[in-house]
Amino acid sequence: MIIFGWRVMWKSVGRGMFRCQRCGADRPFNHMVGRRWFTLFFVPLIPLGQTGQHVRCQACGTRYRMEALNVPTSAQPQVALPTGMRAAAVAVLRAAGGGSELSRRRAIDAIRAAGLADYQAPALDADLSASFMSQQPGQDLARALNALAAQIAVPAKEWFLAETVRIGLADGPLTDDERRMVHEIAAQLGMTQAQAYGVISVTEQAARA
């Protein structure tokens, strides 16, 4: 008697960290891909094609659709915020031609407050040099801010934008180039023009008071 049939077998093709809804915390996961096999006497012989994929929590074993990876882990904002602030502060200073001593000092304070406590003037000089020499500074800024925008709410975006405005205001009113850069930062954060104008206006008024 010949016994044949089909069987789905799963294989791990990757791993990483994600936010497990069942565990309620960051957990390691396996990226699983299924393939249907033709079997003879229950032995898989011929691969027939993929049947789907999912992520599986290594801690509790729960399986999720791939969309589960879109939920930020608790560690991601801790990295995205200082990275975004560093990129935005350098972009504002770059728009001012390198920035004055007052604006540079304000930029360092903003970056340190965002999470890089050891950030100092030599690091800022290195970032400015790298920004001036980069062939795609706009793309570098967009990547940093887009990653941040996906992980913070509107109030946090408004606070972030206000911090970049204060860098430009540290040595006087915003120049046209600084203002354009601040609006670009707002756009990359996913803010509307009305939101950007509101934050900039309130921050300027507070600086004049």
Protein backbone atom coordinates (compact mmCIF):
# COMPACT_ATOMS: atom_id res chain seq x y z
CA MET A 1 0.00 0.00 0.00
CA ILE A 2 1.40 3.39 -1.05
CA ILE A 3 0.61 6.29 1.29
CA PHE A 4 1.10 9.78 -0.09
CA GLY A 5 -0.18 13.26 0.69
CA TRP A 6 0.80 16.85 1.49
CA ARG A 7 2.30 18.41 4.56
CA VAL A 8 3.14 21.98 5.59
CA MET A 9 6.51 22.46 7.24
CA TRP A 10 7.68 25.67 8.89
CA LYS A 11 11.20 27.06 8.85
CA SER A 12 12.73 30.01 10.71
CA VAL A 13 14.26 32.47 8.23
CA GLY A 14 15.03 35.33 10.62
CA ARG A 15 14.79 36.62 14.14
CA GLY A 16 14.68 39.87 16.07
CA MET A 17 12.87 41.78 18.82
CA PHE A 18 9.22 42.80 18.80
CA ARG A 19 6.42 43.84 21.15
CA CYS A 20 4.53 40.67 22.13
CA GLN A 21 0.90 41.51 22.94
CA ARG A 22 0.44 38.42 25.08
CA CYS A 23 3.62 38.94 27.12
CA GLY A 24 3.05 42.70 27.24
CA ALA A 25 6.77 43.35 26.77
CA ASP A 26 9.61 43.24 24.25
CA ARG A 27 10.43 39.66 23.32
CA PRO A 28 12.64 37.83 20.77
CA PHE A 29 10.77 36.43 17.78
CA ASN A 30 11.32 33.96 14.95
CA HIS A 31 10.19 34.82 11.43
CA MET A 32 8.57 31.61 10.20
CA VAL A 33 7.87 30.71 6.56
CA GLY A 34 5.69 27.71 5.65
CA ARG A 35 6.15 25.46 2.64
CA ARG A 36 3.87 22.67 1.40
CA TRP A 37 5.60 19.37 0.65
CA PHE A 38 4.51 16.25 -1.21
CA THR A 39 4.99 13.30 1.14
CA LEU A 40 5.42 9.60 0.50
CA PHE A 41 4.99 7.30 3.46
CA PHE A 42 4.81 10.50 5.57
CA VAL A 43 8.31 11.54 4.42
CA PRO A 44 8.47 15.01 2.77
CA LEU A 45 10.04 14.62 -0.68
CA ILE A 46 9.07 17.43 -3.05
CA PRO A 47 8.64 21.11 -2.08
CA LEU A 48 5.53 22.57 -3.73
CA GLY A 49 5.46 26.21 -2.70
CA GLN A 50 5.14 28.63 0.17
CA THR A 51 1.90 28.73 2.17
CA GLY A 52 2.40 31.84 4.31
CA GLN A 53 4.52 33.44 6.99
CA HIS A 54 4.20 34.72 10.54
CA VAL A 55 6.23 35.78 13.55
CA ARG A 56 6.34 33.59 16.66
CA CYS A 57 7.24 34.82 20.12
CA GLN A 58 10.12 32.78 21.50
CA ALA A 59 8.88 33.32 25.05
CA CYS A 60 5.19 32.33 24.90
CA GLY A 61 4.98 30.73 21.45
CA THR A 62 2.12 32.96 20.28
CA ARG A 63 1.95 33.44 16.51
CA TYR A 64 1.21 36.81 14.91
CA ARG A 65 0.76 38.22 11.47
CA MET A 66 3.76 40.08 10.06
CA GLU A 67 2.03 43.40 10.84
CA ALA A 68 2.93 42.82 14.50
CA LEU A 69 6.45 44.00 13.65
CA ASN A 70 5.04 47.48 12.95
CA VAL A 71 4.37 48.02 16.66
CA PRO A 72 7.41 49.82 18.14
CA THR A 73 9.33 48.11 20.90
CA SER A 74 9.90 50.04 24.10
CA ALA A 75 13.57 50.44 23.21
CA GLN A 76 13.04 52.01 19.78
CA PRO A 77 11.86 55.49 20.93
CA GLN A 78 14.86 55.66 23.26
CA VAL A 79 17.09 55.45 20.19
CA ALA A 80 14.93 57.36 17.72
CA LEU A 81 14.51 60.49 19.86
CA PRO A 82 18.19 61.39 20.35
CA THR A 83 18.97 60.36 16.77
CA GLY A 84 16.19 62.57 15.44
CA MET A 85 17.12 65.53 17.63
CA ARG A 86 20.75 65.24 16.63
CA ALA A 87 19.85 65.26 12.94
CA ALA A 88 17.38 68.15 13.30
CA ALA A 89 19.70 70.31 15.41
CA VAL A 90 22.54 69.86 12.94
CA ALA A 91 20.17 70.68 10.05
CA VAL A 92 19.11 73.97 11.69
CA LEU A 93 22.72 74.94 12.38
CA ARG A 94 23.68 73.99 8.86
CA ALA A 95 20.91 76.25 7.52
CA ALA A 96 22.54 79.07 9.48
CA GLY A 97 25.94 78.36 7.96
CA GLY A 98 27.22 76.50 10.98
CA GLY A 99 25.49 78.53 13.67
CA SER A 100 26.68 81.04 16.25
CA GLU A 101 28.14 80.07 19.60
CA LEU A 102 24.77 80.69 21.26
CA SER A 103 22.84 78.52 18.83
CA ARG A 104 25.49 75.79 18.98
CA ARG A 105 25.24 75.76 22.77
CA ARG A 106 21.45 75.53 22.55
CA ALA A 107 21.75 72.65 20.08
CA ILE A 108 24.05 70.72 22.42
CA ASP A 109 21.62 71.23 25.32
CA ALA A 110 18.71 69.98 23.20
CA ILE A 111 20.58 66.87 22.06
CA ARG A 112 21.69 66.07 25.59
CA ALA A 113 18.15 66.53 26.92
CA ALA A 114 16.89 64.12 24.24
CA GLY A 115 19.04 61.32 25.63
CA LEU A 116 22.69 61.80 24.65
CA ALA A 117 23.97 63.00 28.02
CA ASP A 118 27.64 62.88 26.98
CA TYR A 119 27.19 64.91 23.80
CA GLN A 120 29.73 67.76 23.64
CA ALA A 121 31.07 70.42 21.25
CA PRO A 122 33.59 68.09 19.53
CA ALA A 123 30.76 65.71 18.62
CA LEU A 124 28.75 68.63 17.22
CA ASP A 125 31.73 69.75 15.14
CA ALA A 126 32.06 66.22 13.75
CA ASP A 127 28.33 66.06 12.96
CA LEU A 128 28.44 69.42 11.19
CA SER A 129 31.45 68.39 9.14
CA ALA A 130 29.80 65.14 8.18
CA SER A 131 26.60 67.00 7.26
CA PHE A 132 28.42 69.50 5.06
CA MET A 133 30.30 66.70 3.31
CA SER A 134 27.31 64.38 2.91
CA GLN A 135 25.99 63.88 -0.60
CA GLN A 136 22.43 63.41 0.67
CA PRO A 137 21.85 65.44 3.88
CA GLY A 138 18.15 65.81 3.11
CA GLN A 139 17.69 62.04 2.90
CA ASP A 140 19.64 61.50 6.13
CA LEU A 141 17.39 63.99 7.94
CA ALA A 142 14.23 62.46 6.47
CA ARG A 143 15.20 58.94 7.55
CA ALA A 144 15.89 60.02 11.13
CA LEU A 145 12.70 62.06 11.46
CA ASN A 146 10.44 59.57 9.69
CA ALA A 147 11.60 56.86 12.10
CA LEU A 148 10.88 59.14 15.04
CA ALA A 149 7.50 60.28 13.70
CA ALA A 150 6.21 56.71 13.62
CA GLN A 151 6.81 56.34 17.35
CA ILE A 152 5.68 59.59 19.01
CA ALA A 153 2.33 61.33 19.39
CA VAL A 154 1.37 64.83 18.20
CA PRO A 155 2.22 66.63 21.49
CA ALA A 156 5.71 65.12 21.41
CA LYS A 157 6.15 66.23 17.80
CA GLU A 158 5.17 69.78 18.78
CA TRP A 159 7.66 69.75 21.65
CA PHE A 160 10.36 68.44 19.33
CA LEU A 161 9.70 71.12 16.72
CA ALA A 162 9.71 73.85 19.36
CA GLU A 163 13.14 72.68 20.49
CA THR A 164 14.51 73.06 16.97
CA VAL A 165 12.97 76.55 16.72
CA ARG A 166 14.71 77.57 19.97
CA ILE A 167 18.04 76.55 18.45
CA GLY A 168 17.49 79.02 15.63
CA LEU A 169 16.21 81.70 18.00
CA ALA A 170 19.17 81.43 20.38
CA ASP A 171 21.05 84.21 18.58
CA GLY A 172 18.09 86.26 17.31
CA PRO A 173 15.08 85.94 14.97
CA LEU A 174 14.93 83.04 12.57
CA THR A 175 16.56 83.66 9.22
CA ASP A 176 14.70 82.70 6.06
CA ASP A 177 16.90 79.61 5.67
CA GLU A 178 16.36 78.57 9.29
CA ARG A 179 12.59 79.04 8.94
CA ARG A 180 12.51 76.92 5.79
CA MET A 181 14.48 74.19 7.56
CA VAL A 182 12.14 74.22 10.57
CA HIS A 183 9.17 73.79 8.21
CA GLU A 184 11.00 70.91 6.51
CA ILE A 185 11.53 69.26 9.89
CA ALA A 186 7.81 69.64 10.65
CA ALA A 187 6.90 68.07 7.31
CA GLN A 188 9.18 65.08 7.90
CA LEU A 189 7.54 64.60 11.30
CA GLY A 190 4.18 64.37 9.55
CA MET A 191 2.86 67.67 10.89
CA THR A 192 0.50 69.86 8.86
CA GLN A 193 1.46 73.38 7.80
CA ALA A 194 -1.08 74.76 10.27
CA GLN A 195 0.50 72.78 13.12
CA ALA A 196 3.96 73.96 12.14
CA TYR A 197 2.94 77.62 11.91
CA GLY A 198 1.26 77.38 15.31
CA VAL A 199 4.27 75.87 17.07
CA ILE A 200 6.72 78.28 15.43
CA SER A 201 4.56 81.31 16.24
CA VAL A 202 4.06 80.37 19.91
CA THR A 203 7.77 79.61 20.35
CA GLU A 204 8.78 82.93 18.77
CA GLN A 205 6.35 84.83 20.98
CA ALA A 206 7.70 83.12 24.09
CA ALA A 207 11.27 84.04 23.07
CA ARG A 208 10.31 87.70 22.68
CA ALA A 209 8.48 87.86 26.01
